[in-house]
PDB file of N, CA and C in Angstrom:
ATOM      1  N   MET A   1     122.202  77.281 155.844  1.00  0.00           N
ATOM      2  CA  MET A   1     121.440  76.211 156.442  1.00  0.00           C
ATOM      3  C   MET A   1     120.462  76.811 157.448  1.00  0.00           C
ATOM      4  N   HIS A   2     119.251  76.280 157.516  1.00  0.00           N
ATOM      5  CA  HIS A   2     118.237  76.777 158.434  1.00  0.00           C
ATOM      6  C   HIS A   2     118.590  76.439 159.874  1.00  0.00           C
ATOM      7  N   ALA A   3     118.141  77.302 160.800  1.00  0.00           N
ATOM      8  CA  ALA A   3     118.441  77.097 162.221  1.00  0.00           C
ATOM      9  C   ALA A   3     117.883  75.785 162.736  1.00  0.00           C
ATOM     10  N   TRP A   4     116.698  75.387 162.269  1.00  0.00           N
ATOM     11  CA  TRP A   4     116.096  74.157 162.787  1.00  0.00           C
ATOM     12  C   TRP A   4     116.861  72.925 162.343  1.00  0.00           C
ATOM     13  N   ILE A   5     117.581  72.996 161.246  1.00  0.00           N
ATOM     14  CA  ILE A   5     118.395  71.867 160.795  1.00  0.00           C
ATOM     15  C   ILE A   5     119.641  71.741 161.680  1.00  0.00           C
ATOM     16  N   GLN A   6     120.196  72.865 162.092  1.00  0.00           N
ATOM     17  CA  GLN A   6     121.388  72.865 162.917  1.00  0.00           C
ATOM     18  C   GLN A   6     121.084  72.553 164.377  1.00  0.00           C
ATOM     19  N   GLY A   7     119.833  72.641 164.785  1.00  0.00           N
ATOM     20  CA  GLY A   7     119.465  72.371 166.167  1.00  0.00           C
ATOM     21  C   GLY A   7     119.859  73.485 167.120  1.00  0.00           C
ATOM     22  N   VAL A   8     119.790  74.728 166.669  1.00  0.00           N
ATOM     23  CA  VAL A   8     120.126  75.850 167.532  1.00  0.00           C
ATOM     24  C   VAL A   8     118.857  76.414 168.159  1.00  0.00           C
ATOM     25  N   SER A   9     119.023  77.144 169.260  1.00  0.00           N
ATOM     26  CA  SER A   9     117.864  77.733 169.922  1.00  0.00           C
ATOM     27  C   SER A   9     117.563  79.112 169.338  1.00  0.00           C
ATOM     28  N   THR A  10     116.290  79.465 169.390  1.00  0.00           N
ATOM     29  CA  THR A  10     115.826  80.730 168.839  1.00  0.00           C
ATOM     30  C   THR A  10     114.997  81.468 169.880  1.00  0.00           C
ATOM     31  N   LEU A  11     115.183  82.767 169.965  1.00  0.00           N
ATOM     32  CA  LEU A  11     114.369  83.618 170.821  1.00  0.00           C
ATOM     33  C   LEU A  11     113.594  84.596 169.952  1.00  0.00           C
ATOM     34  N   VAL A  12     112.317  84.762 170.259  1.00  0.00           N
ATOM     35  CA  VAL A  12     111.510  85.800 169.639  1.00  0.00           C
ATOM     36  C   VAL A  12     111.302  86.859 170.711  1.00  0.00           C
ATOM     37  N   VAL A  13     111.744  88.074 170.423  1.00  0.00           N
ATOM     38  CA  VAL A  13     111.724  89.155 171.401  1.00  0.00           C
ATOM     39  C   VAL A  13     110.778  90.249 170.940  1.00  0.00           C
ATOM     40  N   GLY A  14     109.969  90.734 171.871  1.00  0.00           N
ATOM     41  CA  GLY A  14     109.112  91.876 171.597  1.00  0.00           C
ATOM     42  C   GLY A  14     109.487  93.015 172.525  1.00  0.00           C
ATOM     43  N   SER A  15     109.647  94.194 171.961  1.00  0.00           N
ATOM     44  CA  SER A  15     110.007  95.345 172.789  1.00  0.00           C
ATOM     45  C   SER A  15     109.526  96.610 172.104  1.00  0.00           C
ATOM     46  N   ASP A  16     108.830  97.436 172.860  1.00  0.00           N
ATOM     47  CA  ASP A  16     108.427  98.733 172.336  1.00  0.00           C
ATOM     48  C   ASP A  16     109.568  99.739 172.421  1.00  0.00           C
ATOM     49  N   ALA A  17     110.579  99.430 173.233  1.00  0.00           N
ATOM     50  CA  ALA A  17     111.727 100.320 173.411  1.00  0.00           C
ATOM     51  C   ALA A  17     112.937  99.719 172.701  1.00  0.00           C
ATOM     52  N   ILE A  18     113.222 100.218 171.520  1.00  0.00           N
ATOM     53  CA  ILE A  18     114.335  99.685 170.722  1.00  0.00           C
ATOM     54  C   ILE A  18     115.664  99.841 171.464  1.00  0.00           C
ATOM     55  N   ALA A  19     115.858 100.917 172.181  1.00  0.00           N
ATOM     56  CA  ALA A  19     117.110 101.125 172.918  1.00  0.00           C
ATOM     57  C   ALA A  19     117.293 100.044 173.983  1.00  0.00           C
ATOM     58  N   ALA A  20     116.212  99.663 174.662  1.00  0.00           N
ATOM     59  CA  ALA A  20     116.303  98.612 175.680  1.00  0.00           C
ATOM     60  C   ALA A  20     116.661  97.279 175.032  1.00  0.00           C
ATOM     61  N   TYR A  21     116.095  97.003 173.882  1.00  0.00           N
ATOM     62  CA  TYR A  21     116.427  95.767 173.166  1.00  0.00           C
ATOM     63  C   TYR A  21     117.913  95.742 172.811  1.00  0.00           C
ATOM     64  N   GLY A  22     118.432  96.847 172.343  1.00  0.00           N
ATOM     65  CA  GLY A  22     119.847  96.927 172.013  1.00  0.00           C
ATOM     66  C   GLY A  22     120.740  96.702 173.221  1.00  0.00           C
ATOM     67  N   THR A  23     120.288  97.149 174.376  1.00  0.00           N
ATOM     68  CA  THR A  23     121.057  96.984 175.609  1.00  0.00           C
ATOM     69  C   THR A  23     121.129  95.528 176.043  1.00  0.00           C
ATOM     70  N   VAL A  24     120.037  94.797 175.930  1.00  0.00           N
ATOM     71  CA  VAL A  24     120.004  93.406 176.418  1.00  0.00           C
ATOM     72  C   VAL A  24     120.357  92.373 175.350  1.00  0.00           C
ATOM     73  N   ARG A  25     120.547  92.788 174.117  1.00  0.00           N
ATOM     74  CA  ARG A  25     120.834  91.840 173.032  1.00  0.00           C
ATOM     75  C   ARG A  25     122.058  90.978 173.324  1.00  0.00           C
ATOM     76  N   SER A  26     123.113  91.558 173.887  1.00  0.00           N
ATOM     77  CA  SER A  26     124.326  90.778 174.159  1.00  0.00           C
ATOM     78  C   SER A  26     124.046  89.677 175.192  1.00  0.00           C
ATOM     79  N   VAL A  27     123.179  89.956 176.159  1.00  0.00           N
ATOM     80  CA  VAL A  27     122.804  88.945 177.143  1.00  0.00           C
ATOM     81  C   VAL A  27     121.970  87.853 176.471  1.00  0.00           C
ATOM     82  N   LEU A  28     121.047  88.253 175.604  1.00  0.00           N
ATOM     83  CA  LEU A  28     120.202  87.292 174.895  1.00  0.00           C
ATOM     84  C   LEU A  28     121.036  86.375 173.999  1.00  0.00           C
ATOM     85  N   GLN A  29     122.110  86.895 173.429  1.00  0.00           N
ATOM     86  CA  GLN A  29     122.970  86.089 172.558  1.00  0.00           C
ATOM     87  C   GLN A  29     123.659  84.966 173.324  1.00  0.00           C
ATOM     88  N   MET A  30     123.765  85.084 174.647  1.00  0.00           N
ATOM     89  CA  MET A  30     124.325  83.999 175.444  1.00  0.00           C
ATOM     90  C   MET A  30     123.325  82.858 175.617  1.00  0.00           C
ATOM     91  N   MET A  31     122.045  83.172 175.457  1.00  0.00           N
ATOM     92  CA  MET A  31     120.998  82.168 175.639  1.00  0.00           C
ATOM     93  C   MET A  31     120.571  81.510 174.337  1.00  0.00           C
ATOM     94  N   ALA A  32     120.723  82.196 173.217  1.00  0.00           N
ATOM     95  CA  ALA A  32     120.264  81.658 171.937  1.00  0.00           C
ATOM     96  C   ALA A  32     121.125  82.207 170.812  1.00  0.00           C
ATOM     97  N   SER A  33     121.309  81.397 169.788  1.00  0.00           N
ATOM     98  CA  SER A  33     122.126  81.850 168.666  1.00  0.00           C
ATOM     99  C   SER A  33     121.311  82.578 167.601  1.00  0.00           C
ATOM    100  N   CYS A  34     120.002  82.379 167.591  1.00  0.00           N
ATOM    101  CA  CYS A  34     119.124  83.094 166.661  1.00  0.00           C
ATOM    102  C   CYS A  34     118.166  83.954 167.475  1.00  0.00           C
ATOM    103  N   ILE A  35     118.235  85.270 167.263  1.00  0.00           N
ATOM    104  CA  ILE A  35     117.346  86.194 167.961  1.00  0.00           C
ATOM    105  C   ILE A  35     116.542  86.947 166.915  1.00  0.00           C
ATOM    106  N   PHE A  36     115.228  86.888 167.062  1.00  0.00           N
ATOM    107  CA  PHE A  36     114.336  87.539 166.111  1.00  0.00           C
ATOM    108  C   PHE A  36     113.565  88.621 166.837  1.00  0.00           C
ATOM    109  N   HIS A  37     113.777  89.872 166.439  1.00  0.00           N
ATOM    110  CA  HIS A  37     113.033  90.975 167.039  1.00  0.00           C
ATOM    111  C   HIS A  37     111.729  91.128 166.266  1.00  0.00           C
ATOM    112  N   ALA A  38     110.623  90.857 166.946  1.00  0.00           N
ATOM    113  CA  ALA A  38     109.311  90.841 166.296  1.00  0.00           C
ATOM    114  C   ALA A  38     108.617  92.187 166.331  1.00  0.00           C
ATOM    115  N   GLY A  39     109.266  93.202 166.825  1.00  0.00           N
ATOM    116  CA  GLY A  39     108.634  94.509 166.918  1.00  0.00           C
ATOM    117  C   GLY A  39     108.119  94.748 168.325  1.00  0.00           C
ATOM    118  N   GLY A  40     107.007  95.462 168.421  1.00  0.00           N
ATOM    119  CA  GLY A  40     106.421  95.785 169.714  1.00  0.00           C
ATOM    120  C   GLY A  40     105.838  94.568 170.407  1.00  0.00           C
ATOM    121  N   LEU A  41     105.385  94.792 171.640  1.00  0.00           N
ATOM    122  CA  LEU A  41     104.863  93.683 172.433  1.00  0.00           C
ATOM    123  C   LEU A  41     103.662  93.013 171.781  1.00  0.00           C
ATOM    124  N   ARG A  42     102.782  93.773 171.159  1.00  0.00           N
ATOM    125  CA  ARG A  42     101.620  93.171 170.486  1.00  0.00           C
ATOM    126  C   ARG A  42     102.055  92.288 169.324  1.00  0.00           C
ATOM    127  N   ALA A  43     103.052  92.713 168.600  1.00  0.00           N
ATOM    128  CA  ALA A  43     103.551  91.901 167.481  1.00  0.00           C
ATOM    129  C   ALA A  43     104.136  90.596 167.995  1.00  0.00           C
ATOM    130  N   ARG A  44     104.846  90.651 169.117  1.00  0.00           N
ATOM    131  CA  ARG A  44     105.426  89.441 169.690  1.00  0.00           C
ATOM    132  C   ARG A  44     104.341  88.476 170.135  1.00  0.00           C
ATOM    133  N   ASN A  45     103.298  88.985 170.745  1.00  0.00           N
ATOM    134  CA  ASN A  45     102.202  88.121 171.169  1.00  0.00           C
ATOM    135  C   ASN A  45     101.521  87.471 169.968  1.00  0.00           C
ATOM    136  N   GLY A  46     101.358  88.231 168.906  1.00  0.00           N
ATOM    137  CA  GLY A  46     100.787  87.667 167.684  1.00  0.00           C
ATOM    138  C   GLY A  46     101.681  86.592 167.093  1.00  0.00           C
ATOM    139  N   MET A  47     102.988  86.826 167.089  1.00  0.00           N
ATOM    140  CA  MET A  47     103.944  85.845 166.572  1.00  0.00           C
ATOM    141  C   MET A  47     103.892  84.563 167.393  1.00  0.00           C
ATOM    142  N   LYS A  48     103.830  84.691 168.720  1.00  0.00           N
ATOM    143  CA  LYS A  48     103.782  83.517 169.594  1.00  0.00           C
ATOM    144  C   LYS A  48     102.496  82.732 169.372  1.00  0.00           C
ATOM    145  N   THR A  49     101.382  83.425 169.218  1.00  0.00           N
ATOM    146  CA  THR A  49     100.110  82.754 168.962  1.00  0.00           C
ATOM    147  C   THR A  49     100.149  81.979 167.648  1.00  0.00           C
ATOM    148  N   LEU A  50     100.679  82.598 166.609  1.00  0.00           N
ATOM    149  CA  LEU A  50     100.780  81.907 165.319  1.00  0.00           C
ATOM    150  C   LEU A  50     101.728  80.718 165.394  1.00  0.00           C
ATOM    151  N   ASN A  51     102.830  80.854 166.118  1.00  0.00           N
ATOM    152  CA  ASN A  51     103.767  79.751 166.282  1.00  0.00           C
ATOM    153  C   ASN A  51     103.095  78.580 167.005  1.00  0.00           C
ATOM    154  N   ASN A  52     102.326  78.871 168.058  1.00  0.00           N
ATOM    155  CA  ASN A  52     101.605  77.813 168.767  1.00  0.00           C
ATOM    156  C   ASN A  52     100.590  77.133 167.859  1.00  0.00           C
ATOM    157  N   TYR A  53      99.933  77.894 167.010  1.00  0.00           N
ATOM    158  CA  TYR A  53      98.963  77.343 166.057  1.00  0.00           C
ATOM    159  C   TYR A  53      99.658  76.375 165.091  1.00  0.00           C
ATOM    160  N   ILE A  54     100.810  76.767 164.589  1.00  0.00           N
ATOM    161  CA  ILE A  54     101.546  75.909 163.650  1.00  0.00           C
ATOM    162  C   ILE A  54     102.008  74.627 164.346  1.00  0.00           C
ATOM    163  N   MET A  55     102.501  74.749 165.577  1.00  0.00           N
ATOM    164  CA  MET A  55     102.956  73.561 166.305  1.00  0.00           C
ATOM    165  C   MET A  55     101.794  72.612 166.592  1.00  0.00           C
ATOM    166  N   ALA A  56     100.633  73.151 166.981  1.00  0.00           N
ATOM    167  CA  ALA A  56      99.460  72.304 167.236  1.00  0.00           C
ATOM    168  C   ALA A  56      99.034  71.597 165.961  1.00  0.00           C
ATOM    169  N   SER A  57      99.069  72.297 164.836  1.00  0.00           N
ATOM    170  CA  SER A  57      98.726  71.687 163.553  1.00  0.00           C
ATOM    171  C   SER A  57      99.687  70.552 163.207  1.00  0.00           C
ATOM    172  N   SER A  58     100.961  70.738 163.506  1.00  0.00           N
ATOM    173  CA  SER A  58     101.956  69.699 163.235  1.00  0.00           C
ATOM    174  C   SER A  58     101.705  68.458 164.078  1.00  0.00           C
ATOM    175  N   VAL A  59     101.372  68.641 165.347  1.00  0.00           N
ATOM    176  CA  VAL A  59     101.098  67.503 166.231  1.00  0.00           C
ATOM    177  C   VAL A  59      99.870  66.739 165.742  1.00  0.00           C
ATOM    178  N   ILE A  60      98.823  67.457 165.375  1.00  0.00           N
ATOM    179  CA  ILE A  60      97.598  66.816 164.878  1.00  0.00           C
ATOM    180  C   ILE A  60      97.876  66.066 163.580  1.00  0.00           C
ATOM    181  N   THR A  61      98.630  66.679 162.678  1.00  0.00           N
ATOM    182  CA  THR A  61      98.951  66.033 161.408  1.00  0.00           C
ATOM    183  C   THR A  61      99.779  64.772 161.624  1.00  0.00           C
ATOM    184  N   PHE A  62     100.772  64.842 162.512  1.00  0.00           N
ATOM    185  CA  PHE A  62     101.605  63.674 162.778  1.00  0.00           C
ATOM    186  C   PHE A  62     100.788  62.554 163.415  1.00  0.00           C
ATOM    187  N   SER A  63      99.878  62.903 164.315  1.00  0.00           N
ATOM    188  CA  SER A  63      99.008  61.894 164.931  1.00  0.00           C
ATOM    189  C   SER A  63      98.145  61.217 163.874  1.00  0.00           C
ATOM    190  N   ASP A  64      97.599  61.998 162.958  1.00  0.00           N
ATOM    191  CA  ASP A  64      96.789  61.453 161.876  1.00  0.00           C
ATOM    192  C   ASP A  64      97.631  60.535 160.980  1.00  0.00           C
ATOM    193  N   LEU A  65      98.869  60.919 160.742  1.00  0.00           N
ATOM    194  CA  LEU A  65      99.782  60.095 159.943  1.00  0.00           C
ATOM    195  C   LEU A  65      99.998  58.737 160.595  1.00  0.00           C
ATOM    196  N   LEU A  66     100.207  58.724 161.916  1.00  0.00           N
ATOM    197  CA  LEU A  66     100.432  57.463 162.622  1.00  0.00           C
ATOM    198  C   LEU A  66      99.206  56.555 162.550  1.00  0.00           C
ATOM    199  N   VAL A  67      98.017  57.135 162.692  1.00  0.00           N
ATOM    200  CA  VAL A  67      96.781  56.344 162.616  1.00  0.00           C
ATOM    201  C   VAL A  67      96.604  55.776 161.215  1.00  0.00           C
ATOM    202  N   THR A  68      96.825  56.597 160.203  1.00  0.00           N
ATOM    203  CA  THR A  68      96.685  56.145 158.815  1.00  0.00           C
ATOM    204  C   THR A  68      97.687  55.048 158.494  1.00  0.00           C
ATOM    205  N   ASP A  69      98.935  55.222 158.883  1.00  0.00           N
ATOM    206  CA  ASP A  69      99.953  54.196 158.623  1.00  0.00           C
ATOM    207  C   ASP A  69      99.621  52.890 159.348  1.00  0.00           C
ATOM    208  N   GLN A  70      99.055  53.000 160.533  1.00  0.00           N
ATOM    209  CA  GLN A  70      98.681  51.806 161.278  1.00  0.00           C
ATOM    210  C   GLN A  70      97.570  51.056 160.537  1.00  0.00           C
ATOM    211  N   LYS A  71      96.659  51.789 159.918  1.00  0.00           N
ATOM    212  CA  LYS A  71      95.593  51.159 159.140  1.00  0.00           C
ATOM    213  C   LYS A  71      96.153  50.420 157.927  1.00  0.00           C
ATOM    214  N   PHE A  72      97.304  50.868 157.419  1.00  0.00           N
ATOM    215  CA  PHE A  72      97.959  50.188 156.301  1.00  0.00           C
ATOM    216  C   PHE A  72      98.898  49.086 156.764  1.00  0.00           C
ATOM    217  N   GLY A  73      98.893  48.808 158.075  1.00  0.00           N
ATOM    218  CA  GLY A  73      99.670  47.696 158.602  1.00  0.00           C
ATOM    219  C   GLY A  73     101.062  48.038 159.073  1.00  0.00           C
ATOM    220  N   MET A  74     101.402  49.323 159.128  1.00  0.00           N
ATOM    221  CA  MET A  74     102.728  49.702 159.600  1.00  0.00           C
ATOM    222  C   MET A  74     102.740  49.822 161.115  1.00  0.00           C
ATOM    223  N   ASP A  75     103.899  49.614 161.696  1.00  0.00           N
ATOM    224  CA  ASP A  75     104.078  49.764 163.131  1.00  0.00           C
ATOM    225  C   ASP A  75     104.327  51.249 163.438  1.00  0.00           C
ATOM    226  N   PRO A  76     103.487  51.860 164.279  1.00  0.00           N
ATOM    227  CA  PRO A  76     103.677  53.283 164.593  1.00  0.00           C
ATOM    228  C   PRO A  76     105.051  53.594 165.165  1.00  0.00           C
ATOM    229  N   GLN A  77     105.620  52.683 165.936  1.00  0.00           N
ATOM    230  CA  GLN A  77     106.953  52.923 166.512  1.00  0.00           C
ATOM    231  C   GLN A  77     108.009  53.038 165.420  1.00  0.00           C
ATOM    232  N   GLU A  78     107.859  52.280 164.338  1.00  0.00           N
ATOM    233  CA  GLU A  78     108.811  52.398 163.222  1.00  0.00           C
ATOM    234  C   GLU A  78     108.754  53.780 162.596  1.00  0.00           C
ATOM    235  N   MET A  79     107.533  54.340 162.495  1.00  0.00           N
ATOM    236  CA  MET A  79     107.400  55.682 161.931  1.00  0.00           C
ATOM    237  C   MET A  79     108.047  56.710 162.849  1.00  0.00           C
ATOM    238  N   ILE A  80     107.880  56.545 164.163  1.00  0.00           N
ATOM    239  CA  ILE A  80     108.457  57.493 165.109  1.00  0.00           C
ATOM    240  C   ILE A  80     109.986  57.403 165.067  1.00  0.00           C
ATOM    241  N   ASP A  81     110.519  56.178 164.981  1.00  0.00           N
ATOM    242  CA  ASP A  81     111.970  55.978 164.947  1.00  0.00           C
ATOM    243  C   ASP A  81     112.571  56.467 163.645  1.00  0.00           C
ATOM    244  N   PHE A  82     111.796  56.461 162.566  1.00  0.00           N
ATOM    245  CA  PHE A  82     112.301  56.873 161.254  1.00  0.00           C
ATOM    246  C   PHE A  82     112.638  58.328 161.293  1.00  0.00           C
TER     247      PHE A  82
END
């Protein structure tokens, strides 16, 4: 089952020092059940930027969905509650 279905938290970690990541991993596991090592710091920044892009796209798409459904006579609150 995917992590987002289970409602667990995820951390994306960037570290140029693999040994340091190994040292702090046990502490990170107390904060999140899914830990994704994205590589070096630049890779982590790229991953975060892409994640923000996907989330912004989702918000825009959902907003457009609510407007379209309202034009078809649906109550936007019903769509949100669904």
